[in-house]
């Protein structure tokens, strides 16, 4: 007898997204978070990449947009000390929203609990044991220690994951000896901001927007919001930082002084944070009935990627885990979580490690490398390809039985005309269910999917295929017009 279906350890964006997705799939999750309340130390400050499309599928994107306090960032992003300019594209291959992580977590918690998930704060998992049918967690809570049992447990408990450690899963990789300090501060008296983003300071004179490299580190300067300047310093420091200790304005000022050799006037802080980069990936994302997602499974040495990859883990895992718990999963379905998401995590590590290689060099050869790389990014195809890599939109999963070009790719959000009023593919995926979309009037193929997918008929201009079979995570499992291929794909993903 188990208490819940899935124990989720960690109430960050990954854990909360997983809880909501499990509820949509009909499973009963319980989220355990060791902190008694939401952390106050600023962390991520934006969302970008594929996760924005996934949130659109669940009808959450407009709510997320409602959390935006800063203007929408221009379609430019840093990549290892160079800039990728996407403003030339009508439909940029990488999109972003300025959203504070604390605000995102509140929204996701309200979403998950509104669907019936339970979140317990101040409950720390201090021990684990598993057998062939369940996992038992020993939990230290406000009223003492207790045990809770479930068929599965998922560690979404961050880069220093106790769950990963207790499961005996290795976490090889590198922690880089650099500390990044970020400040968004109001522009004070004595600091002049020029139209091109450069600043003028009494002690150091004019400092250009972008990256300034010195023998002691890197100073980055920019601005998205009128009256506020964005500053980041990067310095080598072999020690580990404590994420629970808030950064101060004085700490940022000291770091600026070490990097630039003088003071930059700093006004009232809007945001202060620091972080250290690691490039690590769990050897496996599953050990028996214990699984990993988010930072517990991978640490990426770049900004703007971790939440995208972590929440995408959750969307991939939830429907498979629910099918396994409910006894309707075909053989090997849950194993595809590691196969697909470990490969996606490795690809995210590839581009983020490339950023390390670009940004950490300080000699003339490194400057030449960045200059050549910047020139290459003037080519539209190169910029588009790199942006898709960072966004994760180029992820393609292997799909048995479907040679179509769309198979394994994230489904395009086609404009539709349907009998039930749906106007886009995204609207069909609100409930996180499998969908068979018939665009060519094929009742024989629709019949095959009855009982295993939500079946819809529609019309679309320039249809990419006659029929699409779409998994709950938004990836195309099969596309085409032959009954045998569809039958094989349905059996592979949703059972005979």
Protein backbone atom coordinates (compact mmCIF):
# COMPACT_ATOMS: atom_id res chain seq x y z
CA UNK A 1 0.00 0.00 0.00
CA UNK A 2 1.47 3.35 -1.04
CA UNK A 3 0.58 6.79 0.27
CA UNK A 4 0.89 8.67 -3.05
CA UNK A 5 1.84 7.83 -6.64
CA UNK A 6 5.01 9.93 -6.93
CA UNK A 7 7.17 11.68 -4.34
CA UNK A 8 8.82 14.77 -5.80
CA UNK A 9 11.77 16.16 -3.83
CA UNK A 10 12.24 19.88 -4.49
CA UNK A 11 9.75 22.69 -5.14
CA UNK A 12 11.66 24.61 -7.79
CA UNK A 13 10.33 25.12 -11.32
CA UNK A 14 11.23 21.56 -12.34
CA UNK A 15 9.51 19.88 -9.38
CA UNK A 16 6.40 22.06 -9.54
CA UNK A 17 6.04 21.58 -13.30
CA UNK A 18 6.37 17.83 -12.80
CA UNK A 19 3.65 17.88 -10.12
CA UNK A 20 1.24 19.73 -12.43
CA UNK A 21 1.97 17.44 -15.39
CA UNK A 22 1.43 14.35 -13.24
CA UNK A 23 -1.94 15.68 -12.09
CA UNK A 24 -2.96 16.31 -15.71
CA UNK A 25 -2.07 12.67 -16.40
CA UNK A 26 -4.18 11.47 -13.46
CA UNK A 27 -1.39 10.62 -11.00
CA UNK A 28 -1.17 11.73 -7.34
CA UNK A 29 2.11 13.58 -6.63
CA UNK A 30 3.43 14.91 -3.33
CA UNK A 31 6.11 17.62 -3.39
CA UNK A 32 8.51 17.77 -0.43
CA UNK A 33 10.62 20.91 -0.02
CA UNK A 34 13.23 21.24 2.75
CA UNK A 35 12.94 25.02 2.99
CA UNK A 36 10.01 26.19 5.14
CA UNK A 37 9.27 29.00 2.70
CA UNK A 38 10.27 30.09 -0.75
CA UNK A 39 13.91 31.22 -0.95
CA UNK A 40 14.50 34.96 -1.04
CA UNK A 41 17.90 34.88 -2.76
CA UNK A 42 17.37 35.94 -6.40
CA UNK A 43 18.12 33.19 -8.88
CA UNK A 44 17.15 32.94 -12.54
CA UNK A 45 15.62 36.06 -14.01
CA UNK A 46 14.18 34.83 -17.26
CA UNK A 47 12.65 32.08 -19.35
CA UNK A 48 13.79 31.25 -22.84
CA UNK A 49 13.68 28.50 -25.40
CA UNK A 50 11.41 25.52 -25.94
CA UNK A 51 9.74 25.77 -22.53
CA UNK A 52 7.82 28.86 -23.68
CA UNK A 53 6.15 26.73 -26.37
CA UNK A 54 5.39 24.02 -23.80
CA UNK A 55 3.79 26.58 -21.49
CA UNK A 56 1.75 27.80 -24.46
CA UNK A 57 0.51 24.23 -24.96
CA UNK A 58 -0.72 24.15 -21.36
CA UNK A 59 -2.42 27.54 -21.58
CA UNK A 60 0.04 29.09 -19.10
CA UNK A 61 2.03 31.40 -21.34
CA UNK A 62 -0.25 34.42 -20.93
CA UNK A 63 -0.09 34.02 -17.15
CA UNK A 64 3.69 33.93 -17.34
CA UNK A 65 3.68 37.04 -19.49
CA UNK A 66 1.64 38.68 -16.74
CA UNK A 67 4.64 38.21 -14.41
CA UNK A 68 6.95 40.20 -16.64
CA UNK A 69 8.10 43.37 -14.90
CA UNK A 70 10.87 44.37 -17.32
CA UNK A 71 10.39 45.06 -21.02
CA UNK A 72 10.61 42.05 -23.34
CA UNK A 73 14.33 41.62 -24.02
CA UNK A 74 15.50 42.48 -27.52
CA UNK A 75 16.18 39.40 -29.63
CA UNK A 76 19.88 39.40 -28.81
CA UNK A 77 21.69 37.12 -26.42
CA UNK A 78 25.28 36.64 -25.22
CA UNK A 79 27.13 33.47 -26.16
CA UNK A 80 30.48 33.01 -24.50
CA UNK A 81 31.54 36.63 -24.77
CA UNK A 82 30.06 37.34 -28.21
CA UNK A 83 26.59 38.55 -29.13
CA UNK A 84 24.02 36.74 -31.25
CA UNK A 85 21.71 39.26 -32.95
CA UNK A 86 18.32 37.83 -33.93
CA UNK A 87 16.56 41.13 -34.55
CA UNK A 88 16.78 40.53 -38.32
CA UNK A 89 14.36 37.56 -38.09
CA UNK A 90 10.60 38.04 -38.36
CA UNK A 91 10.18 34.94 -36.15
CA UNK A 92 13.31 34.67 -33.95
CA UNK A 93 14.52 31.10 -33.32
CA UNK A 94 15.13 31.93 -29.64
CA UNK A 95 12.55 33.82 -27.56
CA UNK A 96 12.83 35.03 -23.98
CA UNK A 97 10.79 36.65 -21.20
CA UNK A 98 12.16 38.52 -18.17
CA UNK A 99 10.50 36.64 -15.31
CA UNK A 100 11.86 36.34 -11.77
CA UNK A 101 12.22 32.74 -10.66
CA UNK A 102 10.34 33.38 -7.40
CA UNK A 103 7.35 34.69 -9.37
CA UNK A 104 7.46 31.74 -11.73
CA UNK A 105 7.56 29.30 -8.82
CA UNK A 106 4.52 30.92 -7.20
CA UNK A 107 2.57 30.63 -10.45
CA UNK A 108 3.58 27.00 -10.97
CA UNK A 109 2.71 26.12 -7.36
CA UNK A 110 -0.73 27.68 -7.74
CA UNK A 111 -1.17 25.77 -11.00
CA UNK A 112 -0.09 22.44 -9.48
CA UNK A 113 -2.10 22.77 -6.28
CA UNK A 114 -5.10 23.99 -8.26
CA UNK A 115 -4.96 20.69 -10.10
CA UNK A 116 -4.85 18.80 -6.79
CA UNK A 117 -1.12 18.35 -6.09
CA UNK A 118 0.12 18.68 -2.50
CA UNK A 119 3.22 20.72 -1.59
CA UNK A 120 4.77 20.37 1.87
CA UNK A 121 7.38 22.96 2.81
CA UNK A 122 9.82 22.44 5.67
CA UNK A 123 9.92 18.69 4.97
CA UNK A 124 13.42 17.38 4.25
CA UNK A 125 14.13 13.91 2.84
CA UNK A 126 16.94 12.45 4.96
CA UNK A 127 16.85 8.81 3.88
CA UNK A 128 15.71 6.57 1.03
CA UNK A 129 15.19 2.89 0.46
CA UNK A 130 13.58 1.06 -2.42
CA UNK A 131 12.52 -2.43 -3.43
CA UNK A 132 10.95 -3.95 -6.52
CA UNK A 133 7.60 -2.21 -6.06
CA UNK A 134 8.10 1.07 -4.17
CA UNK A 135 10.33 3.77 -2.70
CA UNK A 136 10.16 4.86 0.93
CA UNK A 137 11.41 8.28 1.96
CA UNK A 138 12.37 9.15 5.51
CA UNK A 139 11.28 12.74 6.02
CA UNK A 140 12.16 15.23 8.74
CA UNK A 141 9.29 17.68 9.14
CA UNK A 142 8.18 20.38 11.59
CA UNK A 143 6.51 17.77 13.82
CA UNK A 144 9.25 15.16 13.70
CA UNK A 145 10.41 12.36 11.42
CA UNK A 146 8.03 10.18 9.41
CA UNK A 147 8.06 7.85 6.40
CA UNK A 148 6.13 8.01 3.17
CA UNK A 149 5.97 5.43 0.38
CA UNK A 150 5.23 5.70 -3.33
CA UNK A 151 5.82 3.63 -6.48
CA UNK A 152 8.35 6.23 -7.67
CA UNK A 153 10.38 9.17 -6.37
CA UNK A 154 11.89 11.97 -8.47
CA UNK A 155 14.78 14.11 -7.27
CA UNK A 156 14.31 17.71 -8.42
CA UNK A 157 16.47 18.95 -5.56
CA UNK A 158 19.19 20.91 -7.32
CA UNK A 159 22.84 20.59 -8.19
CA UNK A 160 23.84 19.31 -4.75
CA UNK A 161 20.98 16.78 -4.86
CA UNK A 162 20.80 14.56 -1.74
CA UNK A 163 18.47 12.25 -3.70
CA UNK A 164 21.13 11.70 -6.36
CA UNK A 165 23.71 11.01 -3.67
CA UNK A 166 21.46 8.58 -1.76
CA UNK A 167 20.63 6.76 -5.01
CA UNK A 168 24.34 6.28 -5.71
CA UNK A 169 24.28 8.03 -9.08
CA UNK A 170 27.56 9.60 -10.18
CA UNK A 171 27.71 13.25 -11.25
CA UNK A 172 30.92 13.66 -13.25
CA UNK A 173 32.04 16.95 -14.72
CA UNK A 174 33.75 20.23 -13.89
CA UNK A 175 33.12 23.15 -11.56
CA UNK A 176 34.79 26.21 -13.03
CA UNK A 177 36.80 28.53 -10.76
CA UNK A 178 34.78 31.62 -11.59
CA UNK A 179 32.16 33.56 -9.67
CA UNK A 180 29.63 35.70 -11.51
CA UNK A 181 27.99 38.61 -9.68
CA UNK A 182 24.97 40.35 -11.15
CA UNK A 183 23.38 43.64 -10.20
CA UNK A 184 20.48 45.58 -11.64
CA UNK A 185 20.72 48.97 -10.01
CA UNK A 186 19.04 52.32 -10.41
CA UNK A 187 21.19 54.95 -12.09
CA UNK A 188 22.63 57.20 -9.35
CA UNK A 189 23.97 60.73 -9.48
CA UNK A 190 27.46 60.78 -10.91
CA UNK A 191 26.74 58.08 -13.50
CA UNK A 192 25.90 59.13 -17.07
CA UNK A 193 24.31 56.68 -19.49
CA UNK A 194 24.86 57.44 -23.17
CA UNK A 195 22.39 56.67 -25.93
CA UNK A 196 24.43 53.67 -27.13
CA UNK A 197 24.46 52.14 -23.63
CA UNK A 198 27.97 53.25 -22.64
CA UNK A 199 28.35 54.77 -19.17
CA UNK A 200 30.50 57.65 -17.95
CA UNK A 201 31.97 57.46 -14.43
CA UNK A 202 33.90 60.10 -12.44
CA UNK A 203 36.81 57.76 -11.67
CA UNK A 204 37.10 55.47 -14.69
CA UNK A 205 35.70 57.65 -17.45
CA UNK A 206 33.74 56.06 -20.26
CA UNK A 207 33.01 52.32 -20.11
CA UNK A 208 31.55 50.73 -23.21
CA UNK A 209 28.41 48.62 -23.25
CA UNK A 210 29.03 44.91 -23.60
CA UNK A 211 32.11 43.11 -22.30
CA UNK A 212 35.26 44.72 -20.89
CA UNK A 213 38.08 42.24 -20.24
CA UNK A 214 40.93 42.93 -17.85
CA UNK A 215 43.71 40.85 -16.32
CA UNK A 216 41.50 40.17 -13.30
CA UNK A 217 38.16 39.35 -14.89
CA UNK A 218 35.29 40.50 -17.09
CA UNK A 219 32.92 43.44 -16.60
CA UNK A 220 29.62 43.27 -18.54
CA UNK A 221 27.31 46.24 -18.99
CA UNK A 222 23.85 46.62 -20.47
CA UNK A 223 20.35 47.97 -19.88
CA UNK A 224 16.84 46.79 -20.68
CA UNK A 225 14.84 49.15 -18.50
CA UNK A 226 15.02 52.97 -18.52
CA UNK A 227 16.70 54.27 -15.38
CA UNK A 228 18.26 50.90 -14.52
CA UNK A 229 21.68 49.58 -15.48
CA UNK A 230 22.63 45.90 -15.64
CA UNK A 231 26.13 45.02 -14.42
CA UNK A 232 27.89 41.67 -14.19
CA UNK A 233 31.39 40.80 -13.06
CA UNK A 234 33.19 37.50 -13.57
CA UNK A 235 36.26 36.63 -11.51
CA UNK A 236 38.18 33.44 -10.92
CA UNK A 237 37.73 32.15 -7.39
CA UNK A 238 38.60 28.53 -6.54
CA UNK A 239 36.24 28.42 -3.53
CA UNK A 240 32.58 27.39 -3.59
CA UNK A 241 29.88 29.99 -3.05
CA UNK A 242 26.97 29.61 -0.65
CA UNK A 243 23.69 30.08 -2.55
CA UNK A 244 21.81 30.73 0.71
CA UNK A 245 23.86 33.84 1.60
CA UNK A 246 22.40 36.91 -0.17
CA UNK A 247 24.77 39.10 -2.15
CA UNK A 248 25.15 42.73 -1.11
CA UNK A 249 25.72 45.93 -3.04
CA UNK A 250 29.07 46.28 -1.26
CA UNK A 251 30.14 42.84 -2.53
CA UNK A 252 29.28 43.85 -6.09
CA UNK A 253 31.17 47.13 -5.68
CA UNK A 254 34.25 45.33 -4.37
CA UNK A 255 34.17 42.95 -7.33
CA UNK A 256 33.89 45.85 -9.81
CA UNK A 257 36.89 47.50 -8.15
CA UNK A 258 38.98 44.34 -8.49
CA UNK A 259 38.05 43.87 -12.15
CA UNK A 260 38.20 47.47 -13.40
CA UNK A 261 40.62 48.98 -10.90
CA UNK A 262 38.22 51.68 -9.76
CA UNK A 263 34.70 52.48 -8.57
CA UNK A 264 31.47 52.62 -10.55
CA UNK A 265 28.66 54.52 -8.77
CA UNK A 266 25.81 52.15 -7.89
CA UNK A 267 22.28 53.24 -7.06
CA UNK A 268 19.52 51.41 -5.22
CA UNK A 269 19.59 47.70 -6.15
CA UNK A 270 16.66 46.11 -7.95
CA UNK A 271 18.28 42.68 -8.16
CA UNK A 272 21.49 41.24 -6.74
CA UNK A 273 22.67 37.67 -7.23
CA UNK A 274 25.74 35.54 -7.71
CA UNK A 275 26.36 32.11 -9.14
CA UNK A 276 29.11 29.71 -10.05
CA UNK A 277 29.19 27.61 -13.20
CA UNK A 278 29.50 23.83 -13.35
CA UNK A 279 29.31 21.44 -16.28
CA UNK A 280 28.05 18.14 -14.91
CA UNK A 281 25.61 15.43 -15.91
CA UNK A 282 24.30 12.48 -13.94
CA UNK A 283 25.57 9.16 -15.24
CA UNK A 284 21.97 7.99 -15.48
CA UNK A 285 18.61 9.61 -14.83
CA UNK A 286 17.10 6.49 -13.29
CA UNK A 287 18.16 4.08 -10.57
CA UNK A 288 15.35 1.57 -10.08
CA UNK A 289 12.33 3.56 -8.90
CA UNK A 290 14.30 6.76 -8.27
CA UNK A 291 14.60 9.29 -11.10
CA UNK A 292 16.31 12.66 -11.52
CA UNK A 293 15.26 15.84 -13.31
CA UNK A 294 16.46 19.43 -13.60
CA UNK A 295 19.67 20.55 -11.88
CA UNK A 296 19.82 17.25 -10.00
CA UNK A 297 20.43 15.64 -13.41
CA UNK A 298 22.55 18.31 -15.11
CA UNK A 299 24.37 21.57 -14.38
CA UNK A 300 25.02 23.82 -17.38
CA UNK A 301 27.79 26.46 -17.45
CA UNK A 302 25.77 29.23 -19.08
CA UNK A 303 22.82 31.46 -18.32
CA UNK A 304 19.36 31.17 -19.83
CA UNK A 305 19.39 27.39 -20.31
CA UNK A 306 18.91 25.50 -17.04
CA UNK A 307 15.20 26.17 -16.38
CA UNK A 308 14.35 25.46 -20.01
CA UNK A 309 16.08 22.06 -19.92
CA UNK A 310 14.85 21.18 -16.41
CA UNK A 311 11.17 21.94 -16.98
CA UNK A 312 11.39 20.11 -20.32
CA UNK A 313 12.62 17.07 -18.38
CA UNK A 314 9.44 17.26 -16.31
CA UNK A 315 7.11 17.41 -19.30
CA UNK A 316 8.87 14.45 -20.91
CA UNK A 317 8.80 12.35 -17.73
CA UNK A 318 5.32 12.96 -16.31
CA UNK A 319 3.12 11.22 -18.89
CA UNK A 320 5.44 8.21 -19.04
CA UNK A 321 5.55 7.90 -15.25
CA UNK A 322 1.77 8.18 -14.97
CA UNK A 323 1.27 5.51 -17.64
CA UNK A 324 3.64 3.20 -15.76
CA UNK A 325 1.83 3.75 -12.45
CA UNK A 326 -1.58 3.23 -14.02
CA UNK A 327 -0.54 -0.02 -15.69
CA UNK A 328 -1.06 1.16 -19.27
CA UNK A 329 2.56 1.75 -20.32
CA UNK A 330 4.04 -0.39 -23.08
CA UNK A 331 7.25 -2.20 -22.19
CA UNK A 332 10.27 0.10 -21.97
CA UNK A 333 8.32 3.36 -22.02
CA UNK A 334 9.81 4.73 -18.80
CA UNK A 335 13.31 3.86 -19.98
CA UNK A 336 12.86 6.31 -22.87
CA UNK A 337 12.98 9.14 -20.31
CA UNK A 338 16.69 8.55 -19.70
CA UNK A 339 17.36 7.82 -23.37
CA UNK A 340 15.73 11.01 -24.61
CA UNK A 341 16.50 13.50 -21.88
CA UNK A 342 20.07 12.36 -21.16
CA UNK A 343 20.83 12.98 -24.84
CA UNK A 344 19.07 16.37 -24.70
CA UNK A 345 21.05 17.26 -21.55
CA UNK A 346 24.30 16.25 -23.24
CA UNK A 347 23.46 18.50 -26.18
CA UNK A 348 22.75 21.40 -23.83
CA UNK A 349 26.10 20.71 -22.16
CA UNK A 350 27.77 20.82 -25.58
CA UNK A 351 26.67 24.37 -26.36
CA UNK A 352 27.17 25.64 -22.81
CA UNK A 353 30.69 24.16 -22.62
CA UNK A 354 31.41 25.83 -25.95
CA UNK A 355 30.49 29.11 -24.27
CA UNK A 356 33.06 28.39 -21.55
CA UNK A 357 35.71 27.80 -24.20
CA UNK A 358 34.89 31.10 -25.88
CA UNK A 359 34.66 33.28 -22.79
CA UNK A 360 37.49 32.04 -20.55
CA UNK A 361 40.45 32.78 -22.82
CA UNK A 362 42.22 36.10 -22.26
CA UNK A 363 45.17 35.98 -24.66
CA UNK A 364 45.38 37.21 -28.25
CA UNK A 365 44.40 33.82 -29.65
CA UNK A 366 41.20 33.83 -27.58
CA UNK A 367 40.38 37.36 -28.75
CA UNK A 368 40.89 36.23 -32.34
CA UNK A 369 38.62 33.22 -31.80
CA UNK A 370 35.82 35.43 -30.47
CA UNK A 371 36.27 37.87 -33.37
CA UNK A 372 36.03 35.11 -35.99
CA UNK A 373 33.06 33.52 -34.21
CA UNK A 374 31.30 36.90 -34.15
CA UNK A 375 31.87 37.27 -37.90
CA UNK A 376 30.39 33.83 -38.54
CA UNK A 377 27.27 34.84 -36.61
CA UNK A 378 26.67 37.61 -39.14
CA UNK A 379 25.56 34.76 -41.41
CA UNK A 380 21.82 34.23 -41.00
CA UNK A 381 22.00 30.44 -41.17
CA UNK A 382 24.73 30.24 -38.52
CA UNK A 383 22.85 32.56 -36.15
CA UNK A 384 19.61 30.62 -36.63
CA UNK A 385 21.30 27.28 -36.03
CA UNK A 386 23.09 28.43 -32.89
CA UNK A 387 19.91 30.01 -31.48
CA UNK A 388 17.95 26.80 -32.10
CA UNK A 389 20.67 24.85 -30.31
CA UNK A 390 20.49 27.11 -27.24
CA UNK A 391 16.67 27.08 -27.31
CA UNK A 392 16.52 23.30 -27.53
CA UNK A 393 14.19 23.53 -30.51
CA UNK A 394 16.54 21.37 -32.59
CA UNK A 395 16.05 18.41 -30.23
CA UNK A 396 14.95 15.34 -32.15
CA UNK A 397 14.02 12.07 -30.47
CA UNK A 398 14.25 8.71 -32.26
CA UNK A 399 10.78 7.58 -33.35
CA UNK A 400 10.46 3.93 -34.44
CA UNK A 401 8.29 3.33 -37.47
CA UNK A 402 8.11 6.91 -38.74
CA UNK A 403 10.63 8.16 -41.32
CA UNK A 404 8.75 11.46 -41.80
CA UNK A 405 10.85 14.62 -41.35
CA UNK A 406 8.57 15.81 -38.52
CA UNK A 407 8.80 12.59 -36.50
CA UNK A 408 10.73 13.18 -33.28
CA UNK A 409 10.52 16.97 -33.62
CA UNK A 410 8.44 19.39 -31.57
CA UNK A 411 5.10 19.85 -33.29
CA UNK A 412 4.65 23.14 -35.18
CA UNK A 413 1.76 25.24 -33.88
CA UNK A 414 -0.32 25.03 -37.04
CA UNK A 415 -3.32 27.27 -37.54
CA UNK A 416 -6.35 24.95 -37.72
CA UNK A 417 -10.00 24.92 -38.67
CA UNK A 418 -11.74 22.25 -36.60
CA UNK A 419 -15.31 21.19 -35.95
CA UNK A 420 -14.90 21.77 -32.20
CA UNK A 421 -13.59 25.32 -32.55
CA UNK A 422 -9.87 24.76 -31.86
CA UNK A 423 -7.77 27.18 -33.85
CA UNK A 424 -4.25 25.84 -33.24
CA UNK A 425 -2.36 22.67 -32.35
CA UNK A 426 -1.49 24.17 -28.96
CA UNK A 427 -5.17 24.29 -27.99
CA UNK A 428 -5.45 20.53 -28.58
CA UNK A 429 -2.65 19.84 -26.07
CA UNK A 430 -4.04 21.73 -23.05
CA UNK A 431 -4.88 18.51 -21.23
CA UNK A 432 -1.46 16.85 -21.76
CA UNK A 433 -3.07 13.95 -23.64
CA UNK A 434 -1.90 12.10 -26.77
CA UNK A 435 -3.48 13.62 -29.87
CA UNK A 436 -4.15 12.18 -33.32
CA UNK A 437 -4.69 15.06 -35.74
CA UNK A 438 -6.26 14.09 -39.06
CA UNK A 439 -5.66 16.78 -41.69
CA UNK A 440 -6.65 14.72 -44.72
CA UNK A 441 -9.93 12.98 -43.88
CA UNK A 442 -8.66 9.53 -42.98
CA UNK A 443 -11.34 7.74 -40.92
CA UNK A 444 -9.37 4.47 -41.15
CA UNK A 445 -6.42 6.03 -39.31
CA UNK A 446 -8.64 7.79 -36.81
CA UNK A 447 -10.22 4.44 -35.94
CA UNK A 448 -6.82 2.96 -35.06
CA UNK A 449 -6.20 5.66 -32.43
CA UNK A 450 -9.57 5.48 -30.68
CA UNK A 451 -9.11 4.86 -26.95
CA UNK A 452 -5.40 5.68 -26.98
CA UNK A 453 -5.40 9.30 -28.13
CA UNK A 454 -7.73 12.27 -28.44
CA UNK A 455 -8.79 12.23 -32.10
CA UNK A 456 -9.37 15.48 -34.00
CA UNK A 457 -10.09 16.30 -37.62
CA UNK A 458 -9.07 19.66 -39.00
CA UNK A 459 -8.02 21.62 -42.04
CA UNK A 460 -4.71 23.45 -42.31
CA UNK A 461 -3.05 25.38 -45.09
CA UNK A 462 0.10 23.66 -46.37
CA UNK A 463 -0.43 20.66 -44.14
CA UNK A 464 2.91 19.02 -43.26
CA UNK A 465 1.43 15.49 -43.32
CA UNK A 466 -1.91 13.77 -43.75
CA UNK A 467 -2.05 12.66 -40.11
CA UNK A 468 0.02 13.56 -37.03
CA UNK A 469 0.30 11.51 -33.83
CA UNK A 470 1.45 13.88 -31.09
CA UNK A 471 2.73 12.80 -27.67
CA UNK A 472 1.59 14.68 -24.53
CA UNK A 473 4.98 16.46 -24.38
CA UNK A 474 4.35 18.02 -27.79
CA UNK A 475 6.68 15.81 -29.85
CA UNK A 476 5.49 14.17 -33.05
CA UNK A 477 5.49 10.40 -32.55
CA UNK A 478 4.42 9.64 -36.12
CA UNK A 479 3.43 11.48 -39.28
CA UNK A 480 2.24 10.11 -42.57
CA UNK A 481 -0.57 8.19 -44.23
CA UNK A 482 0.11 4.45 -43.80
CA UNK A 483 -1.86 2.40 -41.30
CA UNK A 484 0.98 0.00 -40.45
CA UNK A 485 3.32 2.80 -39.39
CA UNK A 486 0.63 4.39 -37.23
CA UNK A 487 -0.24 1.04 -35.66
CA UNK A 488 3.42 0.47 -34.73
CA UNK A 489 3.82 3.95 -33.27
CA UNK A 490 0.63 3.69 -31.20
CA UNK A 491 1.85 0.39 -29.75
CA UNK A 492 5.30 1.81 -29.01
CA UNK A 493 4.10 4.86 -27.10
CA UNK A 494 0.58 4.13 -25.88
CA UNK A 495 0.22 0.34 -25.75
CA UNK A 496 -1.48 -2.30 -27.82
